[in-house]
N, C-alpha and C. Protein backbone atom coordinates (compact mmCIF):
# COMPACT_ATOMS: atom_id res chain seq x y z
N UNK A 1 -5.24 1.80 20.91
CA UNK A 1 -4.29 2.06 19.82
C UNK A 1 -3.64 3.41 20.08
N UNK A 2 -2.31 3.43 20.06
CA UNK A 2 -1.60 4.68 20.32
C UNK A 2 -1.39 5.47 19.03
N UNK A 3 -0.81 6.64 19.16
CA UNK A 3 -0.64 7.52 18.00
C UNK A 3 0.31 6.93 16.95
N UNK A 4 1.34 6.22 17.38
CA UNK A 4 2.27 5.58 16.46
C UNK A 4 1.55 4.53 15.62
N UNK A 5 0.74 3.71 16.26
CA UNK A 5 0.00 2.67 15.56
C UNK A 5 -1.04 3.28 14.61
N UNK A 6 -1.67 4.36 15.04
CA UNK A 6 -2.64 5.04 14.19
C UNK A 6 -1.96 5.60 12.95
N UNK A 7 -0.79 6.22 13.14
CA UNK A 7 -0.05 6.79 12.01
C UNK A 7 0.41 5.70 11.04
N UNK A 8 0.91 4.59 11.56
CA UNK A 8 1.36 3.50 10.70
C UNK A 8 0.20 2.87 9.93
N UNK A 9 -0.92 2.72 10.60
CA UNK A 9 -2.11 2.20 9.93
C UNK A 9 -2.53 3.13 8.80
N UNK A 10 -2.57 4.43 9.09
CA UNK A 10 -2.91 5.42 8.07
C UNK A 10 -1.93 5.44 6.91
N UNK A 11 -0.65 5.26 7.23
CA UNK A 11 0.38 5.21 6.19
C UNK A 11 0.09 4.06 5.23
N UNK A 12 -0.27 2.91 5.76
CA UNK A 12 -0.53 1.77 4.88
C UNK A 12 -1.84 1.90 4.12
N UNK A 13 -2.80 2.61 4.65
CA UNK A 13 -4.02 2.91 3.89
C UNK A 13 -3.63 3.78 2.68
N UNK A 14 -2.80 4.77 2.92
CA UNK A 14 -2.34 5.65 1.83
C UNK A 14 -1.52 4.87 0.81
N UNK A 15 -0.63 4.00 1.28
CA UNK A 15 0.17 3.18 0.36
C UNK A 15 -0.71 2.27 -0.49
N UNK A 16 -1.76 1.74 0.12
CA UNK A 16 -2.70 0.91 -0.64
C UNK A 16 -3.38 1.73 -1.74
N UNK A 17 -3.80 2.94 -1.38
CA UNK A 17 -4.47 3.80 -2.37
C UNK A 17 -3.54 4.11 -3.54
N UNK A 18 -2.29 4.38 -3.25
CA UNK A 18 -1.32 4.66 -4.31
C UNK A 18 -1.04 3.40 -5.12
N UNK A 19 -0.85 2.28 -4.44
CA UNK A 19 -0.52 1.03 -5.14
C UNK A 19 -1.65 0.57 -6.06
N UNK A 20 -2.87 0.94 -5.74
CA UNK A 20 -4.02 0.57 -6.58
C UNK A 20 -4.00 1.32 -7.91
N UNK A 21 -3.36 2.47 -7.94
CA UNK A 21 -3.34 3.30 -9.15
C UNK A 21 -2.26 2.86 -10.12
N UNK A 22 -1.29 2.12 -9.65
CA UNK A 22 -0.24 1.60 -10.52
C UNK A 22 -0.76 0.28 -11.06
N UNK A 23 -1.35 0.34 -12.25
CA UNK A 23 -2.05 -0.83 -12.75
C UNK A 23 -1.82 -1.06 -14.24
N UNK A 24 -1.93 -2.32 -14.60
CA UNK A 24 -1.91 -2.75 -15.99
C UNK A 24 -3.20 -3.54 -16.19
N UNK A 25 -4.10 -3.06 -17.03
CA UNK A 25 -5.37 -3.78 -17.25
C UNK A 25 -5.12 -5.15 -17.88
N UNK A 26 -5.67 -6.19 -17.27
CA UNK A 26 -5.57 -7.56 -17.80
C UNK A 26 -6.96 -8.19 -17.81
N UNK A 27 -7.95 -7.48 -18.28
CA UNK A 27 -9.31 -7.99 -18.26
C UNK A 27 -10.00 -7.51 -16.99
N UNK A 28 -10.88 -8.34 -16.42
CA UNK A 28 -11.63 -7.89 -15.25
C UNK A 28 -10.77 -7.75 -13.98
N UNK A 29 -9.57 -8.34 -13.98
CA UNK A 29 -8.69 -8.26 -12.82
C UNK A 29 -7.39 -7.58 -13.27
N UNK A 30 -7.18 -6.30 -12.88
CA UNK A 30 -5.96 -5.61 -13.31
C UNK A 30 -4.75 -6.04 -12.46
N UNK A 31 -3.58 -5.90 -13.04
CA UNK A 31 -2.34 -6.07 -12.28
C UNK A 31 -2.06 -4.77 -11.56
N UNK A 32 -1.93 -4.84 -10.24
CA UNK A 32 -1.58 -3.67 -9.43
C UNK A 32 -0.47 -4.06 -8.45
N UNK A 33 -0.01 -3.09 -7.70
CA UNK A 33 0.99 -3.35 -6.67
C UNK A 33 0.35 -3.56 -5.30
N UNK A 34 -0.96 -3.72 -5.27
CA UNK A 34 -1.66 -3.86 -4.00
C UNK A 34 -1.21 -5.09 -3.20
N UNK A 35 -0.98 -6.19 -3.87
CA UNK A 35 -0.57 -7.40 -3.15
C UNK A 35 0.74 -7.15 -2.41
N UNK A 36 1.66 -6.43 -3.03
CA UNK A 36 2.92 -6.09 -2.38
C UNK A 36 2.68 -5.32 -1.09
N UNK A 37 1.81 -4.34 -1.13
CA UNK A 37 1.53 -3.51 0.05
C UNK A 37 0.74 -4.29 1.09
N UNK A 38 -0.15 -5.15 0.66
CA UNK A 38 -0.89 -6.01 1.60
C UNK A 38 0.11 -6.85 2.40
N UNK A 39 1.03 -7.48 1.70
CA UNK A 39 2.03 -8.32 2.37
C UNK A 39 2.91 -7.49 3.29
N UNK A 40 3.35 -6.33 2.82
CA UNK A 40 4.18 -5.46 3.65
C UNK A 40 3.44 -5.01 4.91
N UNK A 41 2.15 -4.75 4.78
CA UNK A 41 1.40 -4.30 5.96
C UNK A 41 1.40 -5.37 7.04
N UNK A 42 1.26 -6.61 6.65
CA UNK A 42 1.31 -7.70 7.63
C UNK A 42 2.71 -7.93 8.17
N UNK A 43 3.68 -7.98 7.27
CA UNK A 43 5.06 -8.27 7.68
C UNK A 43 5.64 -7.18 8.57
N UNK A 44 5.29 -5.93 8.29
CA UNK A 44 5.86 -4.81 9.06
C UNK A 44 5.03 -4.41 10.27
N UNK A 45 3.72 -4.43 10.13
CA UNK A 45 2.86 -3.96 11.21
C UNK A 45 2.41 -5.09 12.13
N UNK A 46 2.52 -6.32 11.66
CA UNK A 46 2.03 -7.44 12.43
C UNK A 46 0.61 -7.79 12.03
N UNK A 47 0.12 -8.88 12.58
CA UNK A 47 -1.18 -9.40 12.17
C UNK A 47 -2.33 -8.45 12.45
N UNK A 48 -2.37 -7.89 13.65
CA UNK A 48 -3.53 -7.06 14.04
C UNK A 48 -3.55 -5.72 13.31
N UNK A 49 -2.42 -4.99 13.34
CA UNK A 49 -2.40 -3.68 12.67
C UNK A 49 -2.45 -3.82 11.15
N UNK A 50 -1.81 -4.87 10.63
CA UNK A 50 -1.90 -5.12 9.19
C UNK A 50 -3.34 -5.34 8.78
N UNK A 51 -4.03 -6.19 9.52
CA UNK A 51 -5.45 -6.44 9.28
C UNK A 51 -6.24 -5.14 9.35
N UNK A 52 -6.02 -4.36 10.39
CA UNK A 52 -6.74 -3.10 10.57
C UNK A 52 -6.48 -2.12 9.43
N UNK A 53 -5.24 -2.04 8.96
CA UNK A 53 -4.94 -1.12 7.86
C UNK A 53 -5.71 -1.51 6.61
N UNK A 54 -5.84 -2.79 6.37
CA UNK A 54 -6.56 -3.25 5.17
C UNK A 54 -8.07 -3.07 5.31
N UNK A 55 -8.60 -3.30 6.49
CA UNK A 55 -10.03 -3.05 6.72
C UNK A 55 -10.33 -1.57 6.54
N UNK A 56 -9.45 -0.72 7.06
CA UNK A 56 -9.65 0.73 6.93
C UNK A 56 -9.61 1.14 5.46
N UNK A 57 -8.69 0.56 4.71
CA UNK A 57 -8.62 0.83 3.27
C UNK A 57 -9.93 0.46 2.58
N UNK A 58 -10.44 -0.73 2.89
CA UNK A 58 -11.69 -1.18 2.27
C UNK A 58 -12.87 -0.29 2.67
N UNK A 59 -12.91 0.11 3.93
CA UNK A 59 -13.99 1.00 4.38
C UNK A 59 -13.91 2.35 3.67
N UNK A 60 -12.71 2.88 3.53
CA UNK A 60 -12.55 4.16 2.83
C UNK A 60 -13.05 4.04 1.39
N UNK A 61 -12.68 2.96 0.73
CA UNK A 61 -13.15 2.75 -0.64
C UNK A 61 -14.64 2.51 -0.71
N UNK A 62 -15.18 1.74 0.22
CA UNK A 62 -16.60 1.41 0.21
C UNK A 62 -17.47 2.64 0.40
N UNK A 63 -17.01 3.60 1.21
CA UNK A 63 -17.84 4.80 1.42
C UNK A 63 -17.62 5.85 0.33
N UNK A 64 -16.77 5.53 -0.63
CA UNK A 64 -16.67 6.40 -1.81
C UNK A 64 -15.36 7.11 -2.03
N UNK A 65 -14.42 7.00 -1.13
CA UNK A 65 -13.12 7.62 -1.39
C UNK A 65 -12.50 6.93 -2.60
N UNK A 66 -11.88 7.67 -3.50
CA UNK A 66 -11.34 7.08 -4.74
C UNK A 66 -10.00 6.37 -4.52
N UNK A 67 -10.02 5.31 -3.73
CA UNK A 67 -8.79 4.61 -3.38
C UNK A 67 -8.61 3.29 -4.13
N UNK A 68 -9.64 2.84 -4.83
CA UNK A 68 -9.53 1.61 -5.59
C UNK A 68 -8.92 1.90 -6.96
N UNK A 69 -8.58 0.85 -7.69
CA UNK A 69 -7.93 0.99 -8.99
C UNK A 69 -8.69 1.97 -9.88
N UNK A 70 -7.94 2.79 -10.58
CA UNK A 70 -8.54 3.77 -11.48
C UNK A 70 -9.16 4.95 -10.75
N UNK A 71 -8.70 5.24 -9.54
CA UNK A 71 -9.22 6.34 -8.72
C UNK A 71 -10.73 6.24 -8.56
N UNK A 72 -11.20 5.04 -8.24
CA UNK A 72 -12.62 4.82 -8.05
C UNK A 72 -12.90 4.42 -6.61
N UNK A 73 -14.13 4.48 -6.24
CA UNK A 73 -14.56 4.07 -4.91
C UNK A 73 -16.01 3.66 -4.97
N UNK A 74 -16.53 3.22 -3.86
CA UNK A 74 -17.92 2.82 -3.78
C UNK A 74 -18.07 1.36 -3.40
N UNK A 75 -19.18 1.08 -2.75
CA UNK A 75 -19.45 -0.27 -2.25
C UNK A 75 -19.52 -1.31 -3.37
N UNK A 76 -19.92 -0.90 -4.56
CA UNK A 76 -20.08 -1.83 -5.67
C UNK A 76 -18.79 -2.58 -5.98
N UNK A 77 -17.64 -1.98 -5.70
CA UNK A 77 -16.36 -2.65 -5.95
C UNK A 77 -16.21 -3.91 -5.10
N UNK A 78 -16.78 -3.89 -3.92
CA UNK A 78 -16.67 -5.05 -3.04
C UNK A 78 -17.57 -6.19 -3.50
N UNK A 79 -18.51 -5.89 -4.36
CA UNK A 79 -19.41 -6.90 -4.88
C UNK A 79 -19.07 -7.28 -6.32
N UNK A 80 -18.28 -6.45 -6.98
CA UNK A 80 -17.94 -6.67 -8.39
C UNK A 80 -16.96 -7.81 -8.60
N UNK A 81 -16.42 -7.92 -9.82
CA UNK A 81 -15.55 -9.06 -10.15
C UNK A 81 -14.28 -9.13 -9.31
N UNK A 82 -13.79 -8.00 -8.83
CA UNK A 82 -12.57 -8.01 -8.01
C UNK A 82 -12.88 -7.97 -6.52
N UNK A 83 -14.14 -8.05 -6.15
CA UNK A 83 -14.53 -7.95 -4.74
C UNK A 83 -13.91 -9.01 -3.86
N UNK A 84 -13.77 -10.22 -4.34
CA UNK A 84 -13.17 -11.28 -3.54
C UNK A 84 -11.72 -11.01 -3.22
N UNK A 85 -11.01 -10.46 -4.19
CA UNK A 85 -9.61 -10.10 -3.96
C UNK A 85 -9.52 -9.01 -2.89
N UNK A 86 -10.35 -7.99 -3.06
CA UNK A 86 -10.34 -6.88 -2.10
C UNK A 86 -10.66 -7.35 -0.69
N UNK A 87 -11.71 -8.16 -0.57
CA UNK A 87 -12.11 -8.63 0.76
C UNK A 87 -11.09 -9.58 1.38
N UNK A 88 -10.24 -10.16 0.56
CA UNK A 88 -9.20 -11.05 1.08
C UNK A 88 -8.00 -10.28 1.63
N UNK A 89 -7.85 -9.03 1.27
CA UNK A 89 -6.67 -8.27 1.69
C UNK A 89 -6.46 -8.27 3.21
N UNK A 90 -7.48 -8.00 4.02
CA UNK A 90 -7.23 -8.01 5.48
C UNK A 90 -6.78 -9.38 5.99
N UNK A 91 -7.39 -10.44 5.47
CA UNK A 91 -7.02 -11.78 5.92
C UNK A 91 -5.59 -12.11 5.49
N UNK A 92 -5.24 -11.75 4.27
CA UNK A 92 -3.88 -12.02 3.77
C UNK A 92 -2.84 -11.26 4.59
N UNK A 93 -3.13 -10.03 4.92
CA UNK A 93 -2.22 -9.25 5.76
C UNK A 93 -2.08 -9.88 7.14
N UNK A 94 -3.20 -10.32 7.68
CA UNK A 94 -3.18 -10.99 9.00
C UNK A 94 -2.30 -12.24 8.96
N UNK A 95 -2.46 -13.04 7.92
CA UNK A 95 -1.69 -14.29 7.79
C UNK A 95 -0.20 -13.98 7.68
N UNK A 96 0.16 -13.05 6.81
CA UNK A 96 1.58 -12.70 6.65
C UNK A 96 2.14 -12.17 7.97
N UNK A 97 1.36 -11.34 8.66
CA UNK A 97 1.79 -10.78 9.94
C UNK A 97 1.96 -11.84 11.01
N UNK A 98 1.08 -12.81 11.02
CA UNK A 98 1.17 -13.89 12.00
C UNK A 98 2.48 -14.66 11.86
N UNK A 99 2.86 -14.95 10.63
CA UNK A 99 4.11 -15.67 10.40
C UNK A 99 5.32 -14.80 10.77
N UNK A 100 5.25 -13.51 10.49
CA UNK A 100 6.36 -12.62 10.83
C UNK A 100 6.50 -12.47 12.34
N UNK A 101 5.39 -12.52 13.05
CA UNK A 101 5.43 -12.41 14.52
C UNK A 101 6.00 -13.68 15.17
N UNK A 102 5.84 -14.79 14.52
CA UNK A 102 6.22 -16.07 15.11
C UNK A 102 7.70 -16.43 14.91
N UNK A 103 8.34 -15.81 13.92
CA UNK A 103 9.70 -16.20 13.60
C UNK A 103 10.45 -15.05 12.94
N UNK A 104 11.76 -15.07 13.08
CA UNK A 104 12.63 -14.11 12.40
C UNK A 104 13.20 -14.68 11.11
N UNK A 105 12.89 -15.93 10.82
CA UNK A 105 13.47 -16.60 9.65
C UNK A 105 12.81 -16.10 8.36
N UNK A 106 13.64 -15.81 7.38
CA UNK A 106 13.16 -15.35 6.08
C UNK A 106 12.24 -16.39 5.44
N UNK A 107 12.57 -17.65 5.60
CA UNK A 107 11.75 -18.70 5.00
C UNK A 107 10.34 -18.71 5.60
N UNK A 108 10.24 -18.43 6.88
CA UNK A 108 8.93 -18.38 7.54
C UNK A 108 8.14 -17.18 7.04
N UNK A 109 8.81 -16.05 6.90
CA UNK A 109 8.15 -14.86 6.37
C UNK A 109 7.66 -15.10 4.95
N UNK A 110 8.49 -15.74 4.15
CA UNK A 110 8.10 -16.03 2.77
C UNK A 110 6.91 -16.98 2.73
N UNK A 111 6.91 -17.98 3.60
CA UNK A 111 5.78 -18.91 3.68
C UNK A 111 4.50 -18.14 4.04
N UNK A 112 4.59 -17.23 5.00
CA UNK A 112 3.43 -16.42 5.37
C UNK A 112 2.94 -15.56 4.21
N UNK A 113 3.89 -15.01 3.45
CA UNK A 113 3.52 -14.18 2.29
C UNK A 113 2.83 -15.03 1.23
N UNK A 114 3.36 -16.21 0.98
CA UNK A 114 2.75 -17.10 -0.03
C UNK A 114 1.37 -17.56 0.41
N UNK A 115 1.21 -17.89 1.68
CA UNK A 115 -0.11 -18.27 2.18
C UNK A 115 -1.09 -17.10 2.10
N UNK A 116 -0.60 -15.89 2.37
CA UNK A 116 -1.44 -14.70 2.22
C UNK A 116 -1.92 -14.53 0.79
N UNK A 117 -1.01 -14.73 -0.15
CA UNK A 117 -1.39 -14.66 -1.56
C UNK A 117 -2.40 -15.76 -1.88
N UNK A 118 -2.21 -16.93 -1.30
CA UNK A 118 -3.17 -18.02 -1.49
C UNK A 118 -4.57 -17.64 -1.04
N UNK A 119 -4.67 -16.93 0.07
CA UNK A 119 -5.97 -16.44 0.55
C UNK A 119 -6.58 -15.49 -0.47
N UNK A 120 -5.76 -14.58 -0.98
CA UNK A 120 -6.23 -13.61 -1.99
C UNK A 120 -6.73 -14.35 -3.23
N UNK A 121 -5.95 -15.31 -3.68
CA UNK A 121 -6.34 -16.08 -4.87
C UNK A 121 -7.64 -16.85 -4.63
N UNK A 122 -7.74 -17.50 -3.49
CA UNK A 122 -8.92 -18.32 -3.24
C UNK A 122 -10.20 -17.47 -3.21
N UNK A 123 -10.20 -16.41 -2.41
CA UNK A 123 -11.41 -15.59 -2.32
C UNK A 123 -11.67 -14.83 -3.62
N UNK A 124 -10.60 -14.40 -4.28
CA UNK A 124 -10.75 -13.72 -5.56
C UNK A 124 -11.30 -14.65 -6.63
N UNK A 125 -10.75 -15.86 -6.69
CA UNK A 125 -11.21 -16.86 -7.65
C UNK A 125 -12.67 -17.21 -7.40
N UNK A 126 -13.03 -17.38 -6.13
CA UNK A 126 -14.40 -17.73 -5.78
C UNK A 126 -15.38 -16.66 -6.25
N UNK A 127 -15.09 -15.41 -5.94
CA UNK A 127 -15.99 -14.31 -6.34
C UNK A 127 -16.02 -14.15 -7.85
N UNK A 128 -14.85 -14.24 -8.49
CA UNK A 128 -14.80 -14.08 -9.94
C UNK A 128 -15.55 -15.21 -10.63
N UNK A 129 -15.44 -16.42 -10.09
CA UNK A 129 -16.20 -17.54 -10.64
C UNK A 129 -17.69 -17.32 -10.55
N UNK A 130 -18.15 -16.79 -9.43
CA UNK A 130 -19.57 -16.46 -9.29
C UNK A 130 -19.97 -15.35 -10.25
N UNK A 131 -19.09 -14.37 -10.42
CA UNK A 131 -19.34 -13.28 -11.36
C UNK A 131 -19.49 -13.81 -12.79
N UNK A 132 -18.70 -14.85 -13.11
CA UNK A 132 -18.78 -15.47 -14.44
C UNK A 132 -19.88 -16.53 -14.51
N UNK A 133 -20.84 -16.46 -13.62
CA UNK A 133 -21.98 -17.37 -13.66
C UNK A 133 -21.64 -18.80 -13.30
N UNK A 134 -20.68 -19.00 -12.44
CA UNK A 134 -20.30 -20.34 -12.01
C UNK A 134 -19.19 -20.96 -12.84
N UNK A 135 -18.60 -20.20 -13.75
CA UNK A 135 -17.50 -20.71 -14.57
C UNK A 135 -16.18 -20.50 -13.82
N UNK A 136 -15.89 -21.44 -12.91
CA UNK A 136 -14.71 -21.31 -12.06
C UNK A 136 -13.42 -21.62 -12.82
N UNK A 137 -13.54 -22.39 -13.87
CA UNK A 137 -12.36 -22.65 -14.70
C UNK A 137 -11.91 -21.37 -15.40
N UNK A 138 -12.87 -20.65 -15.94
CA UNK A 138 -12.57 -19.37 -16.58
C UNK A 138 -11.97 -18.40 -15.56
N UNK A 139 -12.52 -18.39 -14.37
CA UNK A 139 -12.00 -17.52 -13.30
C UNK A 139 -10.56 -17.87 -12.95
N UNK A 140 -10.25 -19.16 -12.94
CA UNK A 140 -8.89 -19.60 -12.65
C UNK A 140 -7.92 -19.10 -13.72
N UNK A 141 -8.32 -19.23 -14.98
CA UNK A 141 -7.44 -18.84 -16.08
C UNK A 141 -7.32 -17.33 -16.26
N UNK A 142 -8.33 -16.60 -15.81
CA UNK A 142 -8.28 -15.14 -15.94
C UNK A 142 -7.78 -14.46 -14.67
N UNK A 143 -8.20 -14.97 -13.52
CA UNK A 143 -7.95 -14.25 -12.28
C UNK A 143 -6.91 -14.81 -11.34
N UNK A 144 -6.31 -15.96 -11.69
CA UNK A 144 -5.30 -16.54 -10.80
C UNK A 144 -4.02 -16.86 -11.55
N UNK A 145 -4.09 -17.77 -12.50
CA UNK A 145 -2.88 -18.28 -13.14
C UNK A 145 -1.97 -17.21 -13.74
N UNK A 146 -2.50 -16.19 -14.41
CA UNK A 146 -1.59 -15.19 -14.98
C UNK A 146 -0.81 -14.39 -13.93
N UNK A 147 -1.30 -14.40 -12.70
CA UNK A 147 -0.71 -13.56 -11.66
C UNK A 147 0.33 -14.29 -10.79
N UNK A 148 0.40 -15.59 -10.90
CA UNK A 148 1.29 -16.36 -10.01
C UNK A 148 2.75 -15.92 -10.10
N UNK A 149 3.34 -15.81 -11.29
CA UNK A 149 4.75 -15.40 -11.33
C UNK A 149 4.98 -13.99 -10.75
N UNK A 150 4.10 -13.06 -11.10
CA UNK A 150 4.25 -11.69 -10.62
C UNK A 150 4.05 -11.60 -9.11
N UNK A 151 3.08 -12.31 -8.59
CA UNK A 151 2.82 -12.26 -7.16
C UNK A 151 3.89 -12.99 -6.36
N UNK A 152 4.48 -14.01 -6.94
CA UNK A 152 5.62 -14.67 -6.28
C UNK A 152 6.77 -13.69 -6.16
N UNK A 153 7.00 -12.93 -7.22
CA UNK A 153 8.05 -11.90 -7.19
C UNK A 153 7.72 -10.84 -6.14
N UNK A 154 6.44 -10.48 -6.03
CA UNK A 154 6.03 -9.50 -5.01
C UNK A 154 6.26 -10.04 -3.61
N UNK A 155 6.04 -11.33 -3.41
CA UNK A 155 6.28 -11.95 -2.09
C UNK A 155 7.76 -11.87 -1.74
N UNK A 156 8.61 -12.19 -2.69
CA UNK A 156 10.06 -12.12 -2.47
C UNK A 156 10.46 -10.69 -2.15
N UNK A 157 9.95 -9.75 -2.93
CA UNK A 157 10.26 -8.33 -2.72
C UNK A 157 9.74 -7.84 -1.37
N UNK A 158 8.53 -8.24 -1.02
CA UNK A 158 7.94 -7.82 0.26
C UNK A 158 8.78 -8.30 1.43
N UNK A 159 9.22 -9.56 1.39
CA UNK A 159 10.04 -10.11 2.47
C UNK A 159 11.37 -9.36 2.54
N UNK A 160 11.97 -9.11 1.38
CA UNK A 160 13.24 -8.37 1.36
C UNK A 160 13.11 -6.97 1.90
N UNK A 161 12.07 -6.27 1.50
CA UNK A 161 11.83 -4.91 1.99
C UNK A 161 11.55 -4.93 3.48
N UNK A 162 10.70 -5.84 3.90
CA UNK A 162 10.33 -5.91 5.32
C UNK A 162 11.54 -6.21 6.19
N UNK A 163 12.38 -7.12 5.77
CA UNK A 163 13.59 -7.44 6.55
C UNK A 163 14.51 -6.23 6.65
N UNK A 164 14.68 -5.51 5.55
CA UNK A 164 15.54 -4.33 5.55
C UNK A 164 14.96 -3.24 6.44
N UNK A 165 13.67 -3.00 6.34
CA UNK A 165 13.03 -1.98 7.17
C UNK A 165 13.11 -2.36 8.64
N UNK A 166 12.87 -3.61 8.96
CA UNK A 166 12.93 -4.06 10.37
C UNK A 166 14.34 -3.90 10.94
N UNK A 167 15.35 -4.15 10.13
CA UNK A 167 16.74 -3.98 10.60
C UNK A 167 17.08 -2.50 10.76
N UNK A 168 16.58 -1.69 9.86
CA UNK A 168 16.87 -0.25 9.88
C UNK A 168 16.07 0.46 10.96
N UNK A 169 14.82 0.05 11.14
CA UNK A 169 13.92 0.67 12.11
C UNK A 169 13.42 -0.39 13.09
N UNK A 170 14.26 -0.82 14.01
CA UNK A 170 13.85 -1.91 14.90
C UNK A 170 12.65 -1.58 15.79
N UNK A 171 12.37 -0.30 15.99
CA UNK A 171 11.21 0.10 16.80
C UNK A 171 9.89 -0.21 16.09
N UNK A 172 9.97 -0.43 14.78
CA UNK A 172 8.74 -0.69 14.01
C UNK A 172 8.21 -2.05 14.39
């Protein structure tokens, strides 16, 4: 990994930390801008660096840096009600990046972003359902359905931002 890749990875770790603080509490799963940054990390950095930026973010939070929502950190977050969402971030970034690497078409990028969100929803729903003692229906209604319109908007925004950045900074 060269210095440019290291700097870009670090930039997205910082963006994740900031995006986690912009939140609206909605029960056990807050609304944050993290999904937007997860998608951008994949779309702009590609599958491998996007994945790495998200893993680095999770490691920083797990060892106690206050990068998770509410300026918190610690391993317990990865096991708590939002742990599935957090652990899905690297995979979602990888998926979005894979689609961006394969095609220049906006529709392909959007499909990658939506599939990335699907990964986040699936792992988040699974963990939240276990947290609710196996009540996966409750997890669906609390941790997935309310977020679909907002996350769809984030996917559209992420693709638009990524396309603009790629045109402006083709070296990225």
